[in-house]
N, C-alpha and C. Protein backbone atom coordinates (compact mmCIF):
# COMPACT_ATOMS: atom_id res chain seq x y z
N MET A 1 1.02 -1.13 -0.06
CA MET A 1 -0.09 0.01 -0.20
C MET A 1 0.78 1.20 0.00
N SER A 2 0.75 2.07 -0.98
CA SER A 2 1.66 3.53 -1.23
C SER A 2 0.68 4.39 -0.55
N THR A 3 1.49 5.47 -0.04
CA THR A 3 0.87 6.45 0.59
C THR A 3 1.47 7.72 0.09
N LEU A 4 0.67 8.87 0.05
CA LEU A 4 1.19 9.97 -0.68
C LEU A 4 2.27 10.77 -0.05
N LEU A 5 2.34 10.76 1.29
CA LEU A 5 3.32 11.52 2.17
C LEU A 5 4.49 10.66 2.04
N PRO A 6 5.68 11.39 2.15
CA PRO A 6 6.69 10.54 2.49
C PRO A 6 6.90 10.13 3.96
N PRO A 7 7.87 9.52 4.26
CA PRO A 7 7.87 8.92 5.68
C PRO A 7 8.24 9.93 6.65
N TRP A 8 7.50 9.93 7.80
CA TRP A 8 7.46 10.84 8.66
C TRP A 8 8.89 11.84 9.22
N PRO A 9 10.20 11.15 9.06
CA PRO A 9 11.37 11.92 9.47
C PRO A 9 11.52 12.60 8.45
N LEU A 10 11.32 12.56 7.00
CA LEU A 10 11.97 13.23 6.07
C LEU A 10 11.01 14.35 5.88
N PHE A 11 9.33 13.96 6.10
CA PHE A 11 8.48 15.15 6.29
C PHE A 11 8.41 16.03 7.03
N SER A 12 9.23 15.69 8.31
CA SER A 12 9.07 16.63 9.37
C SER A 12 10.25 17.35 9.18
N ALA A 13 11.28 17.02 8.43
CA ALA A 13 12.59 17.94 8.20
C ALA A 13 12.21 18.84 7.08
N PHE A 14 11.30 18.13 6.21
CA PHE A 14 10.81 19.39 5.32
C PHE A 14 9.90 20.54 5.74
N LEU A 15 8.84 20.15 6.58
CA LEU A 15 8.08 21.17 7.51
C LEU A 15 9.08 22.10 8.18
N LEU A 16 9.98 21.52 8.77
CA LEU A 16 10.82 22.55 9.50
C LEU A 16 11.76 23.44 8.86
N ALA A 17 12.25 22.87 7.52
CA ALA A 17 12.82 23.64 6.92
C ALA A 17 12.07 24.75 5.99
N SER A 18 10.71 24.29 5.90
CA SER A 18 9.71 25.16 5.25
C SER A 18 9.59 26.39 6.30
N LEU A 19 9.37 26.10 7.50
CA LEU A 19 8.95 26.92 8.41
C LEU A 19 10.11 28.18 8.61
N VAL A 20 11.34 27.64 8.59
CA VAL A 20 12.54 28.31 8.83
C VAL A 20 12.60 29.43 7.36
N LEU A 21 12.11 28.91 6.45
CA LEU A 21 12.70 29.55 5.14
C LEU A 21 11.32 30.68 4.95
N ALA A 22 10.30 30.30 5.57
CA ALA A 22 9.01 31.03 5.53
C ALA A 22 9.18 32.44 6.55
N VAL A 23 9.68 32.16 7.28
CA VAL A 23 9.94 33.23 8.89
C VAL A 23 11.46 33.88 9.01
N THR A 24 12.22 33.73 7.71
CA THR A 24 13.57 34.33 7.81
C THR A 24 13.19 35.57 6.36
N PRO A 25 13.80 36.56 6.80
CA PRO A 25 13.49 37.68 6.06
C PRO A 25 14.45 37.48 4.67
N GLY A 26 14.07 37.94 3.43
CA GLY A 26 14.72 37.97 2.45
C GLY A 26 15.77 39.28 2.19
N PRO A 27 16.47 38.95 1.34
CA PRO A 27 17.37 40.29 1.23
C PRO A 27 16.51 41.46 0.85
N GLY A 28 15.24 41.42 0.15
CA GLY A 28 14.51 42.75 -0.04
C GLY A 28 14.17 43.12 1.32
N VAL A 29 13.84 42.31 2.18
CA VAL A 29 13.29 42.77 3.51
C VAL A 29 14.45 43.61 4.33
N LEU A 30 15.56 43.02 4.29
CA LEU A 30 16.37 43.45 5.10
C LEU A 30 17.09 44.72 4.65
N TYR A 31 17.03 45.00 3.04
CA TYR A 31 17.43 46.12 2.50
C TYR A 31 16.55 47.26 2.99
N ILE A 32 15.20 47.09 3.01
CA ILE A 32 14.36 47.97 3.19
C ILE A 32 14.50 48.37 4.61
N VAL A 33 14.30 47.42 5.53
CA VAL A 33 14.51 47.74 7.01
C VAL A 33 16.07 48.72 7.30
N THR A 34 16.96 48.38 6.85
CA THR A 34 18.27 48.83 7.03
C THR A 34 18.09 50.43 6.29
N ARG A 35 17.64 50.39 5.30
CA ARG A 35 17.51 52.03 4.48
C ARG A 35 16.57 52.78 5.59
N SER A 36 15.37 51.90 6.03
CA SER A 36 14.72 52.79 6.82
C SER A 36 15.26 53.00 8.22
N LEU A 37 15.97 52.14 8.78
CA LEU A 37 16.67 52.60 10.23
C LEU A 37 17.98 53.68 9.90
N VAL A 38 18.57 53.69 8.88
CA VAL A 38 19.67 54.37 8.79
C VAL A 38 19.31 55.77 7.97
N GLN A 39 18.37 56.03 7.14
CA GLN A 39 18.11 56.96 6.41
C GLN A 39 16.64 57.74 6.82
N GLY A 40 15.96 56.87 7.30
CA GLY A 40 14.44 57.47 7.79
C GLY A 40 13.19 56.75 6.76
N ARG A 41 12.25 57.31 7.08
CA ARG A 41 10.72 56.72 6.79
C ARG A 41 10.70 57.12 5.22
N ARG A 42 11.25 58.19 4.53
CA ARG A 42 10.91 58.61 3.25
C ARG A 42 11.88 57.44 2.34
N SER A 43 13.18 57.26 2.66
CA SER A 43 13.88 56.29 1.76
C SER A 43 13.41 54.88 2.19
N GLY A 44 13.08 54.64 3.09
CA GLY A 44 12.22 52.96 3.76
C GLY A 44 11.13 53.00 2.47
N LEU A 45 10.38 53.87 2.61
CA LEU A 45 9.21 53.76 1.62
C LEU A 45 9.68 53.86 0.03
N THR A 46 10.87 54.67 -0.37
CA THR A 46 11.31 54.79 -1.63
C THR A 46 12.03 53.08 -1.80
N SER A 47 12.47 52.61 -0.86
CA SER A 47 13.10 51.27 -1.24
C SER A 47 11.76 50.26 -1.52
N VAL A 48 10.96 50.39 -0.59
CA VAL A 48 9.51 49.49 -0.87
C VAL A 48 8.98 49.72 -2.23
N ALA A 49 9.11 50.99 -2.54
CA ALA A 49 8.90 51.09 -4.12
C ALA A 49 9.51 50.51 -5.11
N GLY A 50 10.99 50.72 -4.97
CA GLY A 50 11.78 49.86 -6.05
C GLY A 50 11.86 48.49 -5.70
N VAL A 51 11.68 47.91 -4.81
CA VAL A 51 11.63 46.47 -4.80
C VAL A 51 10.34 45.87 -5.27
N ALA A 52 9.08 46.47 -4.69
CA ALA A 52 8.00 46.28 -5.61
C ALA A 52 7.85 46.38 -7.12
N LEU A 53 8.65 47.28 -7.52
CA LEU A 53 8.78 47.62 -9.11
C LEU A 53 9.53 46.64 -9.51
N GLY A 54 10.67 46.25 -8.97
CA GLY A 54 11.81 45.19 -9.47
C GLY A 54 10.83 43.89 -9.30
N ASN A 55 9.96 43.53 -8.45
CA ASN A 55 9.12 42.25 -8.51
C ASN A 55 8.16 42.38 -9.63
N LEU A 56 7.80 43.80 -9.78
CA LEU A 56 6.74 43.67 -11.10
C LEU A 56 7.60 43.26 -12.56
N GLY A 57 8.60 43.97 -12.43
CA GLY A 57 9.50 43.66 -13.72
C GLY A 57 9.71 42.23 -13.94
N ASN A 58 10.01 41.70 -13.02
CA ASN A 58 10.43 40.36 -12.88
C ASN A 58 9.12 39.41 -13.61
N ALA A 59 7.89 39.68 -12.66
CA ALA A 59 7.13 39.08 -13.22
C ALA A 59 6.51 39.17 -14.84
N LEU A 60 6.66 40.58 -15.14
CA LEU A 60 6.32 40.60 -16.40
C LEU A 60 7.16 40.11 -17.34
N ALA A 61 8.60 40.21 -16.97
CA ALA A 61 9.47 39.56 -17.93
C ALA A 61 9.38 37.86 -18.03
N ALA A 62 9.00 37.24 -16.90
CA ALA A 62 8.69 35.79 -16.95
C ALA A 62 7.31 35.49 -17.63
N SER A 63 6.48 36.61 -17.46
CA SER A 63 5.19 36.16 -18.12
C SER A 63 5.16 36.33 -19.77
N THR A 64 6.30 36.82 -20.11
CA THR A 64 6.59 37.28 -21.72
C THR A 64 7.46 36.47 -22.19
N GLY A 65 7.91 35.35 -21.60
CA GLY A 65 8.75 34.23 -21.99
C GLY A 65 10.36 34.65 -21.75
N LEU A 66 10.75 35.99 -21.43
CA LEU A 66 12.02 36.00 -21.00
C LEU A 66 12.75 34.80 -19.97
N ALA A 67 11.92 34.27 -19.30
CA ALA A 67 12.67 33.09 -18.44
C ALA A 67 12.76 32.03 -19.16
N ALA A 68 12.20 31.54 -20.30
CA ALA A 68 12.38 30.37 -21.16
C ALA A 68 13.69 30.87 -21.82
N LEU A 69 13.63 31.98 -22.45
CA LEU A 69 14.85 32.18 -23.22
C LEU A 69 16.21 32.31 -22.41
N PHE A 70 16.14 32.47 -21.13
CA PHE A 70 17.34 32.64 -20.28
C PHE A 70 17.53 30.91 -20.22
N ALA A 71 16.54 30.09 -19.86
CA ALA A 71 16.89 28.86 -19.87
C ALA A 71 17.41 28.03 -20.90
N VAL A 72 17.29 28.62 -22.18
CA VAL A 72 17.92 27.96 -23.24
C VAL A 72 19.18 28.73 -23.62
N SER A 73 19.19 29.98 -23.31
CA SER A 73 20.44 30.73 -23.83
C SER A 73 21.53 31.02 -22.81
N SER A 74 22.20 30.46 -22.57
CA SER A 74 23.30 30.79 -21.31
C SER A 74 23.93 32.29 -21.58
N LEU A 75 24.10 32.59 -22.85
CA LEU A 75 24.88 34.02 -23.32
C LEU A 75 23.65 34.94 -22.48
N ALA A 76 22.63 34.96 -23.04
CA ALA A 76 21.39 36.00 -22.67
C ALA A 76 21.53 35.96 -21.04
N PHE A 77 21.52 34.78 -20.44
CA PHE A 77 21.41 34.91 -18.92
C PHE A 77 22.87 35.56 -18.30
N ALA A 78 23.72 35.19 -18.97
CA ALA A 78 25.12 35.44 -18.39
C ALA A 78 25.23 37.24 -18.48
N VAL A 79 24.70 37.54 -19.76
CA VAL A 79 24.74 39.09 -19.92
C VAL A 79 23.97 39.67 -18.91
N VAL A 80 22.68 39.09 -18.51
CA VAL A 80 21.65 39.80 -17.92
C VAL A 80 22.37 39.61 -16.13
N LYS A 81 22.95 38.44 -16.02
CA LYS A 81 23.64 38.36 -14.74
C LYS A 81 24.88 39.45 -14.59
N TYR A 82 25.62 39.53 -15.45
CA TYR A 82 26.57 40.32 -15.07
C TYR A 82 26.33 42.16 -14.99
N ALA A 83 25.11 42.12 -15.88
CA ALA A 83 24.62 43.75 -15.89
C ALA A 83 24.36 43.87 -14.21
N GLY A 84 23.40 43.00 -14.13
CA GLY A 84 22.87 43.19 -12.72
C GLY A 84 23.90 43.32 -11.67
N ALA A 85 25.04 42.52 -11.79
CA ALA A 85 26.21 42.42 -10.76
C ALA A 85 27.02 43.86 -10.79
N LEU A 86 27.12 44.38 -11.82
CA LEU A 86 27.89 45.58 -12.00
C LEU A 86 26.68 46.60 -11.71
N TYR A 87 25.60 46.61 -11.91
CA TYR A 87 24.84 47.54 -11.10
C TYR A 87 24.62 47.65 -9.80
N LEU A 88 24.75 46.05 -8.96
CA LEU A 88 25.01 46.21 -7.40
C LEU A 88 26.16 46.87 -7.32
N VAL A 89 27.39 46.60 -8.08
CA VAL A 89 28.62 47.32 -7.50
C VAL A 89 28.47 48.62 -7.48
N TYR A 90 28.00 49.15 -8.61
CA TYR A 90 27.73 50.51 -8.93
C TYR A 90 26.97 51.11 -7.56
N LEU A 91 25.96 50.64 -7.27
CA LEU A 91 25.03 50.98 -6.18
C LEU A 91 25.75 51.05 -4.64
N GLY A 92 26.79 49.97 -4.61
CA GLY A 92 27.55 49.72 -3.59
C GLY A 92 28.51 51.12 -3.47
N VAL A 93 29.32 51.44 -4.49
CA VAL A 93 30.39 52.33 -4.43
C VAL A 93 29.33 53.80 -4.31
N GLN A 94 28.50 53.87 -4.82
CA GLN A 94 27.54 55.19 -4.63
C GLN A 94 27.12 55.36 -2.83
N MET A 95 26.85 54.15 -2.62
CA MET A 95 26.75 54.08 -0.94
C MET A 95 27.62 54.45 0.00
N LEU A 96 28.77 54.01 -0.56
CA LEU A 96 29.96 54.34 0.03
C LEU A 96 30.58 55.99 -0.08
N ARG A 97 30.23 56.31 -0.98
CA ARG A 97 30.53 57.85 -1.15
C ARG A 97 29.67 58.33 -0.23
């Protein structure tokens, strides 16, 4: 007789890991909280808007098939990945100034 659920030790480990991941804040939340604490409410709200706009852009890109393009074209994925990395370095340099 087969069951739909995995054995209890494996399932409980999965549940525990899922709970830890669900309550751990992601980088977007940490960025927003840090900006809010260091630079105030206005910067925090600006950060919220930026993260939300980034999420919207990601959803739109995925829905138009760019995710499929990146899956089959390693060159396209590498270009976007390194462009994003350069932008993060630029933001870091600007923050240090």
